[in-house]
Amino acid sequence: MKTNPRISADKAAWLAHEWAAPRSDGRWAILGDAAHKIASASLYRVDEANALYAAIEAPVLSVEADSNSLGQWWKEKYTLAEYHQRLEQVRDVRTARVDNAGHMLHHDQPQEVAGLIESFTTASPALPPMRKSPVIVPATQTDRTHSPWKQNTSTKSATPSKT
């Protein structure tokens, strides 16, 4: 509630007890690993990351919130547009957007996220892979009887050349 206006008071109280523990001074301590907030000692190279993304052979589901929080978390050093550019390297990617959600979209809209994952994992393997410019489908358009994925109409090949 303090940092996420989308969740109810009862859910916030439940999360607080799952993510934190009371200290002897009456305050709460987050149970997460402090290393989570430390920058990596490894130099990140976009070209190397793109090569790794291009090597992914499994279908990928990218779920994003309608609220762009990358600027907040990355202090404008990494943008949503850059994320989408890098995601274009993945040969078989489906992207969905969840409305009324932020960084913790699985807390904000758990049923929508679960529905997207279920649809993705049960989708027909005969669906053609997507490549470049993924179609973003709002989760509100999904239901459990119809697949939310739309075929990419790009003319680019979904399979990289093996030369």
Protein backbone atom coordinates (compact mmCIF):
# COMPACT_ATOMS: atom_id res chain seq x y z
CA MET A 1 0.00 0.00 0.00
CA LYS A 2 2.83 2.36 0.84
CA THR A 3 4.58 1.60 -2.46
CA ASN A 4 1.77 -0.19 -4.30
CA PRO A 5 -1.64 1.48 -4.32
CA ARG A 6 -3.11 -1.40 -6.35
CA ILE A 7 -3.23 -3.97 -3.54
CA SER A 8 -5.74 -4.15 -0.74
CA ALA A 9 -4.89 -3.71 2.94
CA ASP A 10 -5.39 -7.41 3.67
CA LYS A 11 -3.08 -8.44 0.83
CA ALA A 12 -0.48 -5.87 1.94
CA ALA A 13 -0.60 -7.26 5.49
CA TRP A 14 -0.19 -10.82 4.20
CA LEU A 15 2.75 -9.80 2.00
CA ALA A 16 4.41 -7.93 4.86
CA HIS A 17 4.44 -11.10 6.95
CA GLU A 18 5.74 -13.18 4.03
CA TRP A 19 8.52 -10.78 3.06
CA ALA A 20 9.60 -9.43 6.41
CA ALA A 21 10.16 -10.45 10.03
CA PRO A 22 9.78 -8.41 13.20
CA ARG A 23 12.97 -7.25 14.85
CA SER A 24 13.54 -6.87 18.59
CA ASP A 25 13.13 -3.09 18.31
CA GLY A 26 9.57 -3.51 16.95
CA ARG A 27 10.48 -2.61 13.37
CA TRP A 28 10.38 -5.03 10.46
CA ALA A 29 13.31 -6.34 8.40
CA ILE A 30 12.91 -7.47 4.80
CA LEU A 31 13.85 -11.13 4.39
CA GLY A 32 15.28 -10.62 0.89
CA ASP A 33 18.96 -11.02 0.17
CA ALA A 34 20.72 -7.65 0.37
CA ALA A 35 22.85 -8.70 -2.61
CA HIS A 36 19.71 -8.28 -4.75
CA LYS A 37 20.35 -4.53 -4.77
CA ILE A 38 24.08 -4.66 -5.50
CA ALA A 39 25.24 -4.00 -9.04
CA SER A 40 27.00 -6.93 -10.67
CA ALA A 41 30.78 -6.94 -10.90
CA SER A 42 30.43 -8.38 -14.41
CA LEU A 43 30.45 -5.90 -17.26
CA TYR A 44 27.16 -6.09 -19.16
CA ARG A 45 27.59 -5.97 -22.92
CA VAL A 46 24.47 -5.51 -25.01
CA ASP A 47 25.91 -7.39 -27.99
CA GLU A 48 26.67 -10.42 -25.80
CA ALA A 49 23.20 -10.30 -24.25
CA ASN A 50 21.63 -10.07 -27.72
CA ALA A 51 23.63 -13.12 -28.83
CA LEU A 52 22.37 -15.04 -25.81
CA TYR A 53 18.78 -13.97 -26.53
CA ALA A 54 19.16 -15.06 -30.16
CA ALA A 55 20.34 -18.49 -29.02
CA ILE A 56 17.16 -19.15 -27.02
CA GLU A 57 15.32 -22.02 -28.70
CA ALA A 58 12.36 -22.38 -26.35
CA PRO A 59 9.23 -20.29 -26.73
CA VAL A 60 9.30 -17.24 -24.44
CA LEU A 61 6.47 -15.41 -22.75
CA SER A 62 7.18 -11.80 -21.86
CA VAL A 63 4.57 -10.28 -19.56
CA GLU A 64 4.76 -6.59 -18.80
CA ALA A 65 2.68 -4.15 -16.83
CA ASP A 66 0.88 -1.24 -18.45
CA SER A 67 2.70 0.97 -15.95
CA ASN A 68 6.30 1.42 -17.11
CA SER A 69 8.42 1.18 -13.96
CA LEU A 70 11.76 0.54 -15.68
CA GLY A 71 12.67 4.20 -15.43
CA GLN A 72 12.06 4.15 -11.69
CA TRP A 73 14.03 0.98 -11.02
CA TRP A 74 16.84 1.64 -13.51
CA LYS A 75 16.99 5.41 -12.95
CA GLU A 76 16.48 6.01 -16.69
CA LYS A 77 19.62 3.98 -17.56
CA TYR A 78 17.51 1.27 -19.23
CA THR A 79 14.23 1.97 -20.99
CA LEU A 80 11.23 -0.06 -22.03
CA ALA A 81 12.13 0.64 -25.66
CA GLU A 82 15.59 -0.86 -25.08
CA TYR A 83 14.00 -3.90 -23.46
CA HIS A 84 11.76 -4.37 -26.51
CA GLN A 85 14.77 -4.00 -28.85
CA ARG A 86 16.63 -6.73 -26.98
CA LEU A 87 13.56 -8.94 -26.87
CA GLU A 88 13.43 -8.81 -30.67
CA GLN A 89 16.49 -11.08 -30.66
CA VAL A 90 14.45 -13.96 -29.24
CA ARG A 91 13.19 -16.02 -32.16
CA ASP A 92 9.91 -17.20 -30.59
CA VAL A 93 8.50 -14.61 -28.21
CA ARG A 94 4.99 -13.68 -27.21
CA THR A 95 4.46 -10.46 -25.32
CA ALA A 96 1.41 -9.58 -23.27
CA ARG A 97 0.58 -6.46 -21.28
CA VAL A 98 -1.38 -6.56 -18.03
CA ASP A 99 -3.58 -3.54 -17.39
CA ASN A 100 -3.70 -1.79 -14.01
CA ALA A 101 -0.40 -3.34 -12.91
CA GLY A 102 3.05 -2.19 -11.92
CA HIS A 103 6.41 -3.79 -11.12
CA MET A 104 4.79 -6.58 -9.07
CA LEU A 105 2.14 -7.40 -11.64
CA HIS A 106 1.70 -10.91 -10.26
CA HIS A 107 0.49 -9.28 -7.03
CA ASP A 108 -1.54 -6.58 -8.75
CA GLN A 109 -3.42 -8.86 -11.17
CA PRO A 110 -2.73 -12.48 -10.15
CA GLN A 111 -5.64 -14.00 -12.09
CA GLU A 112 -4.67 -12.20 -15.30
CA VAL A 113 -1.02 -13.26 -15.01
CA ALA A 114 -2.01 -16.85 -14.20
CA GLY A 115 -4.34 -16.90 -17.22
CA LEU A 116 -1.57 -15.67 -19.51
CA ILE A 117 0.85 -18.31 -18.22
CA GLU A 118 -1.77 -21.04 -18.53
CA SER A 119 -2.64 -20.00 -22.09
CA PHE A 120 1.04 -19.85 -23.01
CA THR A 121 1.91 -23.26 -21.57
CA THR A 122 -1.10 -24.95 -23.15
CA ALA A 123 -0.89 -23.21 -26.56
CA SER A 124 -0.65 -25.39 -29.62
CA PRO A 125 2.96 -26.12 -30.61
CA ALA A 126 1.79 -25.71 -34.21
CA LEU A 127 1.52 -21.95 -33.74
CA PRO A 128 4.08 -20.19 -35.91
CA PRO A 129 6.83 -18.48 -33.91
CA MET A 130 6.78 -14.72 -33.64
CA ARG A 131 9.72 -12.64 -34.78
CA LYS A 132 10.26 -8.91 -34.47
CA SER A 133 7.66 -6.46 -33.26
CA PRO A 134 5.70 -8.71 -30.92
CA VAL A 135 1.99 -8.01 -30.73
CA ILE A 136 1.12 -6.83 -27.25
CA VAL A 137 -2.20 -8.24 -26.14
CA PRO A 138 -3.84 -6.69 -23.07
CA ALA A 139 -4.59 -9.44 -20.58
CA THR A 140 -8.19 -8.29 -20.37
CA GLN A 141 -8.67 -9.71 -23.88
CA THR A 142 -7.77 -13.22 -22.76
CA ASP A 143 -9.94 -16.02 -21.60
CA ARG A 144 -9.23 -19.65 -20.94
CA THR A 145 -10.94 -20.99 -24.06
CA HIS A 146 -9.24 -18.84 -26.68
CA SER A 147 -5.54 -18.25 -27.06
CA PRO A 148 -4.50 -14.59 -26.60
CA TRP A 149 -1.56 -14.91 -28.96
CA LYS A 150 -1.65 -13.25 -32.31
CA GLN A 151 0.55 -14.27 -35.16
CA ASN A 152 3.25 -11.79 -36.06
CA THR A 153 2.86 -10.70 -39.65
CA SER A 154 6.53 -9.93 -40.09
CA THR A 155 8.07 -11.28 -43.28
CA LYS A 156 11.39 -11.92 -41.57
CA SER A 157 12.34 -15.54 -41.05
CA ALA A 158 11.74 -16.95 -37.60
CA THR A 159 14.67 -19.30 -37.97
CA PRO A 160 18.18 -17.86 -38.08
CA SER A 161 20.44 -18.97 -40.89
CA LYS A 162 23.01 -21.59 -40.01
CA THR A 163 26.08 -20.32 -41.80
